[in-house]
Amino acid sequence: MLKNNFKYILLLLVLTMVGCAKRGSITGGLKDTIAPVLKMSFPKNFSTNFKGNEIKLTFDEYIKLKDLKKQLIISPPMKNEPLILPTTTSKYLTIKINDTLKPNTTYSFNFGQSIEDNNEGNPYNQFKYVFSTGENIDSLTLSGSVKDAYNKEVESFVSVMLYDVNDKFKDSVVYNQTPRYITNTLDSLKTFKLENLKAGKYLLVAMKDYNSNNKFNPKKDKIGFKKEFITIPNDTTYELKLFKEVLPFKAYKPIQTSGNKLILPFEGKTNDVKITLKNGAEILPTIITKFPKKDSLQVWFKPLKVDSLSLAVGKDKYKEKFAFKIKTQKKDTLNISAVQTSFLNFRERFTLESATPLTKFDNSKIKLINKDSVLVDFKTEYDDFNQRLYFDFKKEPSEKYTFEIMPGAFTDYLGKSNEKIIYTLNTKSFADYGNLIVTLKNAKRFPLIVELTNEKGDVLASEYSENNAKIEFNLVDPTLFWLRLIYDDNKNKIWDSGNYLEKHQAEEVIYFSKGIDVRANWDVEQVFDVSIPYTPEPKKKVDKKKKDKSIGF
């Protein structure tokens, strides 16, 4: 009997354990999708004759604050940030104002999406608390959109500002004063709306304000502006294009990196810059080249035994002189490397890079042969600023090319020559590439640049046109291309940015509306109507709140 009872007890325990191990779903009703609502406020929202320094807000459920510093927009901006409490979960918010409020001014606190319910994180979208220190609430509005002057898409959190244009107005206001009104595109909008405005004349500016201080710093920030002052009220919808200014040229103290080279950091453009290296009153011979992928120049000189040197730098009205000690360091050595190491595309030139500047070339010591050992004619071109040597020759499909570079073909400025070098490269068949013919429609003017880019905006191919609306990109690597058109108004064959103080806008850039798929052995013909503006697709939001509602023991 006892033995049978023991069996039943053991069986019951096993069944209990199996039951606990099973997973099941919690059912607790429908998911809460309703955002919190303001129940009451003191003083009331949209109050006039505001005199205090504290505001109390009461909501219908527990709320929490998220990214308040990024999301909260106070217009006009306050010099001292208000204190908003509590930072923990609560049904109440208190705003303590730590600034002297301007008379007869309408203030707006736009919380963006920073107020969420505590349980599901439903945001109280664009909640605004508005009050006026005068008799009336200003009610005029201004709207528009922001774009990037060069890139396909504009960054998030772009500030849009209005500055009073009065007797004291100066263009420098964007550098040293806060605006009269401000709003922000936040993290999801490319449009803006300035509200609760007073009638008047204003300067309209957009700014990617990386320092978040409502002041323009050309070294970091991007800016967009309307050249003409605007008046409010009006019904115009404005478009502002952001660009990063090219800074005026400025050099920084040189750094010695070897026994024969200085690195000169700079900002701005280096065209027409004059650099003079001196040993006392003696001017030393130098070669100036670009440091790869850095805003720095390389100043090459022949090694000499001195304690110190001086370097004079000048460009336009800018002049600077640096004095520095010279240390004993190893000299740079001649080193040649190839940019292409296996395949050479038909749109490329075979390119060699030199670690030191080259000064002499002997093409008779260079031999180019194909896979049948037949000599191939070639020409060379040396880019002394970038220390690159280019080879031009007629490339045939499915061919193998061998460069035999004998000793003494290249000599650098220190008199050092190369040893024997051999490079082998192959070409693909024509069928491995695609062709893209772009027909421009409604182009406003010439000359212009048409570029093929990847999705990030990196240039993969480029063509310049002075009057032809038919642009051919032959033998391009198969991929998904994006089309970009640049109106080259100053005819220098590159895109030029703008300048706020000079009231000069960036050169106009237009993107084709979608990517173009060019496949191997395909001929693609594409009409590019440049009168149709590019509209980016809205970004899909990823639901980060998905939870596994199953449980276990």
Protein backbone atom coordinates (compact mmCIF):
# COMPACT_ATOMS: atom_id res chain seq x y z
CA MET A 1 0.00 0.00 0.00
CA LEU A 2 2.77 2.40 0.99
CA LYS A 3 4.65 1.47 -2.17
CA ASN A 4 1.64 2.29 -4.37
CA ASN A 5 1.13 5.67 -2.61
CA PHE A 6 4.76 6.51 -3.22
CA LYS A 7 4.25 5.83 -6.97
CA TYR A 8 1.24 8.17 -7.09
CA ILE A 9 3.13 10.93 -5.25
CA LEU A 10 6.12 10.59 -7.61
CA LEU A 11 3.83 10.75 -10.67
CA LEU A 12 2.12 13.89 -9.31
CA LEU A 13 5.49 15.62 -8.79
CA VAL A 14 6.60 14.82 -12.35
CA LEU A 15 3.35 16.20 -13.81
CA THR A 16 3.69 19.36 -11.72
CA MET A 17 7.25 19.94 -12.91
CA VAL A 18 6.25 19.42 -16.56
CA GLY A 19 3.41 21.88 -16.16
CA CYS A 20 5.73 24.51 -14.68
CA ALA A 21 8.21 24.06 -17.53
CA LYS A 22 5.60 24.86 -20.18
CA ARG A 23 5.61 28.38 -21.63
CA GLY A 24 2.39 30.36 -21.74
CA SER A 25 1.28 33.79 -22.89
CA ILE A 26 0.19 36.54 -20.55
CA THR A 27 -3.16 37.98 -21.48
CA GLY A 28 -3.83 41.35 -19.95
CA GLY A 29 -6.09 43.13 -22.40
CA LEU A 30 -5.28 45.49 -25.26
CA LYS A 31 -1.97 47.33 -25.47
CA ASP A 32 -2.06 50.96 -24.28
CA THR A 33 -1.57 53.21 -27.34
CA ILE A 34 -2.99 56.44 -25.93
CA ALA A 35 -0.59 59.30 -25.22
CA PRO A 36 -0.78 61.24 -21.97
CA VAL A 37 -2.93 64.39 -21.90
CA LEU A 38 -2.47 67.66 -20.04
CA LYS A 39 -5.17 67.72 -17.35
CA MET A 40 -4.53 71.18 -15.95
CA SER A 41 -1.81 73.85 -15.76
CA PHE A 42 -1.05 76.82 -13.58
CA PRO A 43 -1.00 79.43 -14.98
CA LYS A 44 -3.32 78.21 -17.73
CA ASN A 45 -1.85 77.44 -21.13
CA PHE A 46 -1.93 80.52 -23.42
CA SER A 47 -2.08 82.91 -20.46
CA THR A 48 -1.34 86.61 -20.90
CA ASN A 49 0.29 89.13 -18.52
CA PHE A 50 2.55 86.38 -17.16
CA LYS A 51 4.44 87.71 -14.11
CA GLY A 52 5.76 84.69 -12.22
CA ASN A 53 8.72 82.39 -12.59
CA GLU A 54 7.11 78.98 -12.06
CA ILE A 55 4.73 76.85 -14.13
CA LYS A 56 3.00 73.66 -12.97
CA LEU A 57 1.66 71.05 -15.37
CA THR A 58 -0.58 68.12 -14.39
CA PHE A 59 -1.16 65.10 -16.66
CA ASP A 60 -3.83 62.39 -16.64
CA GLU A 61 -1.30 59.57 -16.06
CA TYR A 62 2.27 58.95 -14.98
CA ILE A 63 4.80 60.35 -17.43
CA LYS A 64 8.56 60.28 -17.97
CA LEU A 65 10.91 62.64 -19.78
CA LYS A 66 13.08 61.37 -22.66
CA ASP A 67 15.86 63.33 -24.43
CA LEU A 68 14.54 66.57 -22.97
CA LYS A 69 17.68 68.56 -23.83
CA LYS A 70 17.40 67.58 -27.50
CA GLN A 71 13.64 67.79 -27.82
CA LEU A 72 12.70 70.92 -25.83
CA ILE A 73 12.59 74.12 -27.90
CA ILE A 74 12.10 77.41 -26.08
CA SER A 75 11.26 80.38 -28.29
CA PRO A 76 12.56 83.02 -27.87
CA PRO A 77 15.64 81.25 -26.41
CA MET A 78 16.48 81.95 -22.77
CA LYS A 79 19.99 82.84 -21.64
CA ASN A 80 19.67 80.62 -18.56
CA GLU A 81 18.00 77.25 -19.06
CA PRO A 82 14.86 76.67 -16.96
CA LEU A 83 14.84 73.90 -14.38
CA ILE A 84 12.26 71.21 -15.19
CA LEU A 85 11.41 68.73 -12.41
CA PRO A 86 11.04 65.97 -11.55
CA THR A 87 13.28 63.90 -13.79
CA THR A 88 11.69 60.73 -12.40
CA THR A 89 8.25 59.27 -13.12
CA SER A 90 5.42 61.55 -12.04
CA LYS A 91 2.03 62.99 -12.96
CA TYR A 92 3.37 66.51 -12.53
CA LEU A 93 5.99 68.80 -14.07
CA THR A 94 7.30 72.04 -12.66
CA ILE A 95 9.09 74.60 -14.84
CA LYS A 96 11.24 77.05 -12.88
CA ILE A 97 12.31 80.02 -15.01
CA ASN A 98 15.82 81.28 -14.23
CA ASP A 99 15.85 84.20 -16.65
CA THR A 100 14.49 87.73 -16.88
CA LEU A 101 11.57 87.63 -19.30
CA LYS A 102 11.24 90.26 -22.00
CA PRO A 103 8.19 92.54 -21.82
CA ASN A 104 5.32 92.14 -24.31
CA THR A 105 6.76 88.87 -25.59
CA THR A 106 5.09 85.56 -26.36
CA TYR A 107 7.09 82.56 -25.09
CA SER A 108 6.65 78.99 -26.31
CA PHE A 109 7.86 75.76 -24.69
CA ASN A 110 7.66 73.00 -27.32
CA PHE A 111 8.47 69.65 -25.69
CA GLY A 112 8.69 67.80 -29.01
CA GLN A 113 8.34 64.10 -28.19
CA SER A 114 10.09 64.24 -24.82
CA ILE A 115 6.95 63.58 -22.72
CA GLU A 116 5.95 59.89 -22.74
CA ASP A 117 3.58 57.75 -20.71
CA ASN A 118 5.44 55.59 -18.21
CA ASN A 119 4.13 52.19 -19.32
CA GLU A 120 4.31 52.00 -23.11
CA GLY A 121 6.31 55.13 -23.96
CA ASN A 122 3.54 56.75 -26.03
CA PRO A 123 4.74 60.30 -26.74
CA TYR A 124 2.68 63.44 -26.16
CA ASN A 125 3.55 64.69 -29.65
CA GLN A 126 4.65 68.34 -29.95
CA PHE A 127 3.09 69.43 -26.67
CA LYS A 128 3.39 73.22 -26.32
CA TYR A 129 2.98 75.51 -23.35
CA VAL A 130 2.57 79.14 -24.40
CA PHE A 131 2.30 82.37 -22.42
CA SER A 132 2.76 86.08 -22.99
CA THR A 133 4.25 88.74 -20.75
CA GLY A 134 2.01 91.26 -22.52
CA GLU A 135 -1.68 91.71 -23.24
CA ASN A 136 -1.82 89.45 -26.30
CA ILE A 137 -0.59 86.09 -27.57
CA ASP A 138 1.27 86.56 -30.86
CA SER A 139 -0.29 84.25 -33.44
CA LEU A 140 1.54 84.67 -36.77
CA THR A 141 3.36 81.71 -38.35
CA LEU A 142 6.10 80.96 -40.88
CA SER A 143 6.79 77.58 -42.49
CA GLY A 144 9.18 75.91 -44.90
CA SER A 145 11.65 73.09 -45.41
CA VAL A 146 15.37 72.46 -45.00
CA LYS A 147 17.73 70.62 -47.34
CA ASP A 148 21.43 69.99 -47.59
CA ALA A 149 23.05 72.03 -50.35
CA TYR A 150 25.26 69.11 -51.43
CA ASN A 151 24.23 65.84 -49.78
CA LYS A 152 21.17 63.85 -50.74
CA GLU A 153 19.61 64.08 -47.29
CA VAL A 154 19.80 66.71 -44.60
CA GLU A 155 20.83 65.92 -41.03
CA SER A 156 18.37 65.82 -38.13
CA PHE A 157 17.96 68.48 -35.45
CA VAL A 158 18.37 71.55 -37.64
CA SER A 159 17.55 74.86 -35.94
CA VAL A 160 15.56 77.47 -37.85
CA MET A 161 15.85 81.02 -36.53
CA LEU A 162 14.47 84.52 -36.99
CA TYR A 163 16.50 87.61 -36.08
CA ASP A 164 14.95 91.06 -35.66
CA VAL A 165 15.96 93.51 -38.39
CA ASN A 166 16.01 96.92 -36.74
CA ASP A 167 18.26 99.98 -36.39
CA LYS A 168 20.84 97.93 -34.47
CA PHE A 169 20.90 94.97 -36.86
CA LYS A 170 24.25 93.72 -38.20
CA ASP A 171 25.01 90.65 -40.28
CA SER A 172 27.29 89.43 -37.48
CA VAL A 173 24.21 88.81 -35.31
CA VAL A 174 24.33 85.06 -36.12
CA TYR A 175 27.81 84.79 -34.55
CA ASN A 176 27.23 86.56 -31.23
CA GLN A 177 23.51 86.87 -30.42
CA THR A 178 20.62 84.49 -29.88
CA PRO A 179 17.66 84.75 -32.28
CA ARG A 180 14.31 86.32 -31.54
CA TYR A 181 12.48 83.11 -32.50
CA ILE A 182 13.64 79.53 -32.93
CA THR A 183 12.31 76.10 -33.84
CA ASN A 184 13.90 72.76 -34.73
CA THR A 185 13.25 69.95 -37.20
CA LEU A 186 14.02 67.42 -34.45
CA ASP A 187 14.87 63.85 -35.48
CA SER A 188 12.12 63.03 -37.96
CA LEU A 189 11.05 66.18 -39.81
CA LYS A 190 12.61 68.02 -42.75
CA THR A 191 10.06 70.81 -42.50
CA PHE A 192 9.69 73.59 -39.97
CA LYS A 193 6.99 75.86 -38.61
CA LEU A 194 7.69 78.94 -36.53
CA GLU A 195 4.64 79.93 -34.48
CA ASN A 196 3.50 82.68 -32.12
CA LEU A 197 5.37 85.32 -34.11
CA LYS A 198 5.00 89.09 -34.05
CA ALA A 199 4.67 91.11 -37.25
CA GLY A 200 7.96 92.60 -38.41
CA LYS A 201 11.06 92.31 -40.59
CA TYR A 202 13.43 89.39 -39.98
CA LEU A 203 16.54 87.55 -41.14
CA LEU A 204 15.70 83.86 -41.72
CA VAL A 205 18.49 81.38 -40.99
CA ALA A 206 18.79 77.60 -40.68
CA MET A 207 21.69 76.12 -38.76
CA LYS A 208 23.04 72.68 -37.91
CA ASP A 209 24.20 73.86 -34.51
CA TYR A 210 26.66 71.25 -33.24
CA ASN A 211 27.46 73.26 -30.10
CA SER A 212 23.74 73.74 -29.28
CA ASN A 213 24.39 77.37 -28.30
CA ASN A 214 22.21 79.08 -30.95
CA LYS A 215 25.28 80.83 -32.40
CA PHE A 216 27.05 80.18 -35.70
CA ASN A 217 30.51 78.63 -35.51
CA PRO A 218 31.85 78.38 -39.11
CA LYS A 219 34.49 75.82 -38.06
CA LYS A 220 31.81 73.28 -37.13
CA ASP A 221 28.32 74.38 -38.08
CA LYS A 222 26.39 74.36 -41.34
CA ILE A 223 24.26 77.36 -42.27
CA GLY A 224 21.50 78.24 -44.72
CA PHE A 225 19.87 81.64 -45.15
CA LYS A 226 17.58 83.81 -47.22
CA LYS A 227 19.56 86.62 -48.80
CA GLU A 228 16.63 89.04 -48.68
CA PHE A 229 15.00 89.97 -45.38
CA ILE A 230 11.49 88.60 -44.94
CA THR A 231 8.42 90.33 -43.57
CA ILE A 232 5.74 88.74 -41.42
CA PRO A 233 2.88 88.16 -42.07
CA ASN A 234 3.25 86.48 -45.46
CA ASP A 235 2.14 83.21 -47.04
CA THR A 236 5.46 82.19 -48.60
CA THR A 237 6.82 78.71 -47.91
CA TYR A 238 10.61 78.99 -47.67
CA GLU A 239 13.32 76.48 -48.55
CA LEU A 240 16.69 76.74 -46.81
CA LYS A 241 19.78 74.86 -48.01
CA LEU A 242 22.52 74.09 -45.50
CA PHE A 243 26.20 74.26 -46.41
CA LYS A 244 29.53 74.15 -44.61
CA GLU A 245 31.55 77.27 -45.32
CA VAL A 246 35.09 77.04 -46.63
CA LEU A 247 37.11 78.83 -43.96
CA PRO A 248 39.57 81.61 -44.80
CA PHE A 249 43.08 80.25 -45.18
CA LYS A 250 45.02 79.88 -41.97
CA ALA A 251 48.19 77.89 -41.23
CA TYR A 252 49.24 76.33 -37.94
CA LYS A 253 52.66 75.68 -36.51
CA PRO A 254 54.62 73.18 -38.64
CA ILE A 255 55.60 69.78 -37.29
CA GLN A 256 58.87 68.09 -38.21
CA THR A 257 58.22 64.44 -39.13
CA SER A 258 61.57 63.45 -40.64
CA GLY A 259 65.04 64.82 -41.36
CA ASN A 260 63.77 66.34 -44.61
CA LYS A 261 60.07 67.10 -44.15
CA LEU A 262 57.68 69.39 -42.28
CA ILE A 263 53.93 68.93 -41.97
CA LEU A 264 52.01 72.23 -42.15
CA PRO A 265 48.39 71.94 -40.92
CA PHE A 266 45.95 74.44 -42.41
CA GLU A 267 42.30 75.31 -42.88
CA GLY A 268 40.72 76.81 -45.99
CA LYS A 269 41.97 76.53 -49.58
CA THR A 270 45.65 76.35 -50.52
CA ASN A 271 45.50 77.74 -54.04
CA ASP A 272 48.03 80.59 -54.53
CA VAL A 273 49.57 80.04 -51.07
CA LYS A 274 53.23 81.05 -50.82
CA ILE A 275 55.58 79.19 -48.47
CA THR A 276 59.19 80.25 -47.83
CA LEU A 277 61.60 78.21 -45.69
CA LYS A 278 64.62 80.09 -44.35
CA ASN A 279 67.87 79.36 -42.54
CA GLY A 280 68.48 82.81 -41.15
CA ALA A 281 68.40 85.08 -44.23
CA GLU A 282 69.06 82.21 -46.66
CA ILE A 283 66.02 80.92 -48.59
CA LEU A 284 66.08 77.13 -48.80
CA PRO A 285 64.78 75.21 -51.85
CA THR A 286 61.52 73.42 -51.05
CA ILE A 287 58.86 71.28 -52.69
CA ILE A 288 55.26 71.66 -51.46
CA THR A 289 52.87 68.71 -51.75
CA LYS A 290 49.53 67.66 -50.30
CA PHE A 291 49.44 65.32 -47.32
CA PRO A 292 47.02 62.51 -48.29
CA LYS A 293 43.51 62.68 -46.78
CA LYS A 294 44.46 65.45 -44.31
CA ASP A 295 44.19 69.24 -44.25
CA SER A 296 47.97 69.52 -44.20
CA LEU A 297 50.78 70.35 -46.59
CA GLN A 298 54.17 68.64 -46.79
CA VAL A 299 57.18 70.94 -46.97
CA TRP A 300 60.14 69.00 -48.36
CA PHE A 301 63.71 70.24 -47.98
CA LYS A 302 67.18 68.77 -48.27
CA PRO A 303 68.64 67.76 -44.89
CA LEU A 304 71.04 70.23 -43.29
CA LYS A 305 72.69 70.65 -39.91
CA VAL A 306 71.06 73.63 -38.20
CA ASP A 307 69.48 74.32 -34.84
CA SER A 308 66.42 76.15 -36.13
CA LEU A 309 64.55 77.29 -39.24
CA SER A 310 61.74 79.72 -40.01
CA LEU A 311 58.74 79.31 -42.28
CA ALA A 312 56.79 82.21 -43.79
CA VAL A 313 53.27 81.50 -45.08
CA GLY A 314 51.21 83.97 -47.10
CA LYS A 315 47.95 83.98 -49.06
CA ASP A 316 46.12 87.13 -50.11
CA LYS A 317 46.07 89.32 -46.97
CA TYR A 318 47.02 86.46 -44.63
CA LYS A 319 50.65 86.37 -43.46
CA GLU A 320 52.24 84.29 -40.72
CA LYS A 321 55.78 83.40 -39.72
CA PHE A 322 56.82 80.38 -37.66
CA ALA A 323 60.17 79.73 -35.98
CA PHE A 324 60.98 76.23 -34.76
CA LYS A 325 63.80 73.94 -33.68
CA ILE A 326 65.16 71.26 -36.01
CA LYS A 327 65.84 67.83 -34.60
CA THR A 328 68.08 65.13 -36.02
CA GLN A 329 65.75 62.55 -37.58
CA LYS A 330 65.89 59.84 -40.22
CA LYS A 331 65.44 60.85 -43.84
CA ASP A 332 62.48 59.68 -45.92
CA THR A 333 63.26 57.01 -48.47
CA LEU A 334 62.01 56.58 -52.02
CA ASN A 335 59.12 54.15 -52.12
CA ILE A 336 56.84 53.52 -55.11
CA SER A 337 53.44 51.84 -54.79
CA ALA A 338 50.62 51.09 -57.23
CA VAL A 339 47.05 52.27 -56.69
CA GLN A 340 45.65 49.38 -58.78
CA THR A 341 47.09 45.98 -57.88
CA SER A 342 45.09 43.37 -59.85
CA PHE A 343 42.46 44.74 -62.24
CA LEU A 344 42.53 47.98 -64.22
CA ASN A 345 39.15 49.40 -65.26
CA PHE A 346 38.74 51.04 -68.63
CA ARG A 347 37.80 54.38 -67.04
CA GLU A 348 40.98 54.43 -64.93
CA ARG A 349 44.58 55.34 -65.55
CA PHE A 350 47.26 53.12 -64.08
CA THR A 351 48.61 55.14 -61.15
CA LEU A 352 51.79 55.04 -59.09
CA GLU A 353 52.25 56.90 -55.81
CA SER A 354 55.61 58.03 -54.49
CA ALA A 355 56.49 58.48 -50.82
CA THR A 356 58.88 61.32 -51.77
CA PRO A 357 58.52 63.91 -54.57
CA LEU A 358 59.85 62.75 -57.93
CA THR A 359 61.92 65.16 -60.04
CA LYS A 360 63.29 63.07 -62.92
CA PHE A 361 61.67 60.49 -65.21
CA ASP A 362 63.23 58.25 -67.85
CA ASN A 363 60.50 56.55 -69.86
CA SER A 364 63.12 54.66 -71.86
CA LYS A 365 63.63 52.55 -68.75
CA ILE A 366 59.95 51.61 -68.58
CA LYS A 367 58.47 48.82 -70.73
CA LEU A 368 54.79 47.95 -71.07
CA ILE A 369 53.92 44.62 -72.72
CA ASN A 370 50.70 42.65 -73.18
CA LYS A 371 50.15 38.91 -72.65
CA ASP A 372 51.69 38.20 -76.10
CA SER A 373 54.84 40.13 -75.07
CA VAL A 374 54.03 42.87 -77.60
CA LEU A 375 55.17 46.36 -76.64
CA VAL A 376 52.35 48.83 -75.89
CA ASP A 377 52.84 52.57 -76.33
CA PHE A 378 52.14 54.73 -73.31
CA LYS A 379 52.38 58.30 -72.05
CA THR A 380 53.00 59.53 -68.52
CA GLU A 381 51.77 62.53 -66.54
CA TYR A 382 53.07 63.51 -63.11
CA ASP A 383 50.91 65.33 -60.56
CA ASP A 384 53.60 66.91 -58.40
CA PHE A 385 51.17 68.29 -55.79
CA ASN A 386 49.70 64.83 -55.05
CA GLN A 387 52.89 62.86 -55.89
CA ARG A 388 51.10 60.65 -58.41
CA LEU A 389 52.34 59.34 -61.77
CA TYR A 390 49.67 58.44 -64.34
CA PHE A 391 50.05 56.08 -67.31
CA ASP A 392 47.87 56.52 -70.39
CA PHE A 393 47.61 53.73 -72.97
CA LYS A 394 45.00 52.01 -75.10
CA LYS A 395 43.45 49.23 -73.02
CA GLU A 396 42.05 46.13 -74.69
CA PRO A 397 39.47 43.76 -73.14
CA SER A 398 40.51 40.50 -71.43
CA GLU A 399 44.14 41.49 -71.65
CA LYS A 400 47.11 41.12 -69.34
CA TYR A 401 49.60 44.00 -69.03
CA THR A 402 53.02 43.96 -67.43
CA PHE A 403 54.96 47.08 -66.46
CA GLU A 404 58.70 46.54 -66.19
CA ILE A 405 60.27 49.55 -64.50
CA MET A 406 64.06 49.32 -64.59
CA PRO A 407 66.43 50.89 -62.00
CA GLY A 408 66.86 54.63 -62.51
CA ALA A 409 63.49 55.22 -64.18
CA PHE A 410 62.46 57.54 -61.32
CA THR A 411 64.63 59.88 -59.25
CA ASP A 412 63.36 61.83 -56.27
CA TYR A 413 64.43 65.30 -55.10
CA LEU A 414 67.08 63.78 -52.78
CA GLY A 415 68.74 62.07 -55.77
CA LYS A 416 67.57 58.57 -54.85
CA SER A 417 66.51 56.24 -57.69
CA ASN A 418 64.21 53.23 -57.77
CA GLU A 419 65.17 49.60 -57.94
CA LYS A 420 63.57 47.25 -60.50
CA ILE A 421 59.78 47.04 -60.15
CA ILE A 422 57.29 44.81 -61.99
CA TYR A 423 53.52 45.31 -61.94
CA THR A 424 51.02 42.97 -63.59
CA LEU A 425 47.43 44.03 -64.26
CA ASN A 426 44.47 42.52 -66.04
CA THR A 427 41.48 44.00 -67.82
CA LYS A 428 38.02 42.47 -67.88
CA SER A 429 35.83 41.88 -70.92
CA PHE A 430 33.42 44.57 -72.11
CA ALA A 431 30.58 42.25 -71.08
CA ASP A 432 31.65 42.63 -67.43
CA TYR A 433 30.66 46.32 -67.51
CA GLY A 434 27.51 48.31 -68.11
CA ASN A 435 26.79 51.52 -70.01
CA LEU A 436 24.59 54.37 -68.79
CA ILE A 437 23.39 57.16 -71.08
CA VAL A 438 21.81 60.10 -69.24
CA THR A 439 19.65 62.58 -71.17
CA LEU A 440 19.16 65.83 -69.28
CA LYS A 441 15.75 67.46 -69.54
CA ASN A 442 15.02 71.07 -68.53
CA ALA A 443 18.61 71.90 -67.61
CA LYS A 444 18.61 75.60 -66.71
CA ARG A 445 22.14 76.44 -67.76
CA PHE A 446 25.59 75.17 -68.65
CA PRO A 447 28.32 74.21 -67.81
CA LEU A 448 27.36 71.48 -65.43
CA ILE A 449 28.77 68.38 -63.79
CA VAL A 450 26.94 65.04 -63.75
CA GLU A 451 28.15 62.54 -61.18
CA LEU A 452 27.40 58.90 -60.48
CA THR A 453 27.55 58.19 -56.77
CA ASN A 454 26.84 55.33 -54.39
CA GLU A 455 24.09 55.65 -51.81
CA LYS A 456 26.47 57.41 -49.40
CA GLY A 457 27.31 60.07 -51.98
CA ASP A 458 30.84 58.92 -52.85
CA VAL A 459 31.66 59.82 -56.46
CA LEU A 460 32.13 56.75 -58.68
CA ALA A 461 32.21 58.49 -62.07
CA SER A 462 31.95 62.08 -63.28
CA GLU A 463 31.40 63.89 -66.58
CA TYR A 464 31.61 67.60 -67.40
CA SER A 465 29.36 69.19 -70.01
CA GLU A 466 29.57 72.70 -71.44
CA ASN A 467 26.55 72.39 -73.76
CA ASN A 468 25.61 68.75 -74.32
CA ALA A 469 22.46 67.40 -72.63
CA LYS A 470 23.40 63.81 -73.45
CA ILE A 471 25.94 62.41 -70.99
CA GLU A 472 27.53 58.98 -71.55
CA PHE A 473 29.00 56.83 -68.79
CA ASN A 474 30.50 53.92 -70.68
CA LEU A 475 32.09 50.81 -69.15
CA VAL A 476 31.12 51.42 -65.54
CA ASP A 477 31.27 48.77 -62.83
CA PRO A 478 27.79 47.22 -62.39
CA THR A 479 26.06 48.57 -59.29
CA LEU A 480 23.19 50.76 -58.09
CA PHE A 481 24.01 54.35 -59.01
CA TRP A 482 22.63 57.68 -57.85
CA LEU A 483 22.65 60.66 -60.22
CA ARG A 484 23.78 64.09 -59.04
CA LEU A 485 23.85 67.26 -61.17
CA ILE A 486 25.88 70.34 -60.20
CA TYR A 487 25.44 73.70 -61.93
CA ASP A 488 29.08 74.82 -62.20
CA ASP A 489 28.41 78.56 -62.25
CA ASN A 490 32.04 79.64 -61.76
CA LYS A 491 33.30 77.07 -64.32
CA ASN A 492 36.01 75.56 -62.12
CA LYS A 493 34.75 71.96 -62.55
CA ILE A 494 34.11 71.38 -58.83
CA TRP A 495 31.21 72.07 -56.47
CA ASP A 496 31.63 75.30 -54.50
CA SER A 497 30.08 75.99 -51.13
CA GLY A 498 28.54 79.29 -50.03
CA ASN A 499 29.43 82.08 -47.64
CA TYR A 500 27.07 83.79 -45.21
CA LEU A 501 28.80 87.17 -44.84
CA GLU A 502 29.32 87.47 -48.59
CA LYS A 503 25.65 86.53 -49.08
CA HIS A 504 26.76 83.87 -51.52
CA GLN A 505 24.76 80.65 -51.83
CA ALA A 506 26.33 77.27 -52.59
CA GLU A 507 26.24 76.05 -56.17
CA GLU A 508 22.96 74.31 -56.94
CA VAL A 509 22.85 70.51 -56.71
CA ILE A 510 20.00 68.30 -57.93
CA TYR A 511 19.55 64.56 -57.35
CA PHE A 512 17.65 62.10 -59.50
CA SER A 513 14.63 60.72 -57.67
CA LYS A 514 15.80 57.10 -57.36
CA GLY A 515 18.73 54.76 -57.77
CA ILE A 516 19.60 53.41 -61.23
CA ASP A 517 20.51 49.74 -61.47
CA VAL A 518 23.22 49.19 -64.09
CA ARG A 519 24.08 45.53 -64.63
CA ALA A 520 26.85 43.76 -66.48
CA ASN A 521 26.45 43.76 -70.28
CA TRP A 522 23.49 46.17 -70.01
CA ASP A 523 22.89 49.46 -71.82
CA VAL A 524 20.68 51.75 -69.71
CA GLU A 525 19.16 54.96 -71.04
CA GLN A 526 17.80 57.32 -68.40
CA VAL A 527 16.02 60.68 -68.77
CA PHE A 528 16.92 63.03 -65.90
CA ASP A 529 14.34 65.82 -65.57
CA VAL A 530 16.26 68.26 -63.39
CA SER A 531 13.16 70.41 -62.86
CA ILE A 532 11.74 67.72 -60.56
CA PRO A 533 13.20 68.09 -57.04
CA TYR A 534 14.46 65.04 -55.20
CA THR A 535 12.23 63.99 -52.31
CA PRO A 536 13.77 61.53 -49.84
CA GLU A 537 11.63 58.64 -48.71
CA PRO A 538 10.57 58.83 -45.06
CA LYS A 539 12.67 56.65 -42.82
CA LYS A 540 10.92 53.59 -41.42
CA LYS A 541 10.93 53.52 -37.65
CA VAL A 542 12.00 50.30 -36.01
CA ASP A 543 9.74 49.18 -33.16
CA LYS A 544 12.09 48.74 -30.23
CA LYS A 545 9.29 47.88 -27.83
CA LYS A 546 8.66 44.33 -29.01
CA LYS A 547 8.83 42.06 -26.00
CA ASP A 548 8.73 38.31 -25.51
CA LYS A 549 5.59 37.92 -23.45
CA SER A 550 6.14 34.21 -22.74
CA ILE A 551 7.28 33.13 -19.30
CA GLY A 552 8.73 30.02 -17.73
CA PHE A 553 9.58 28.53 -14.40
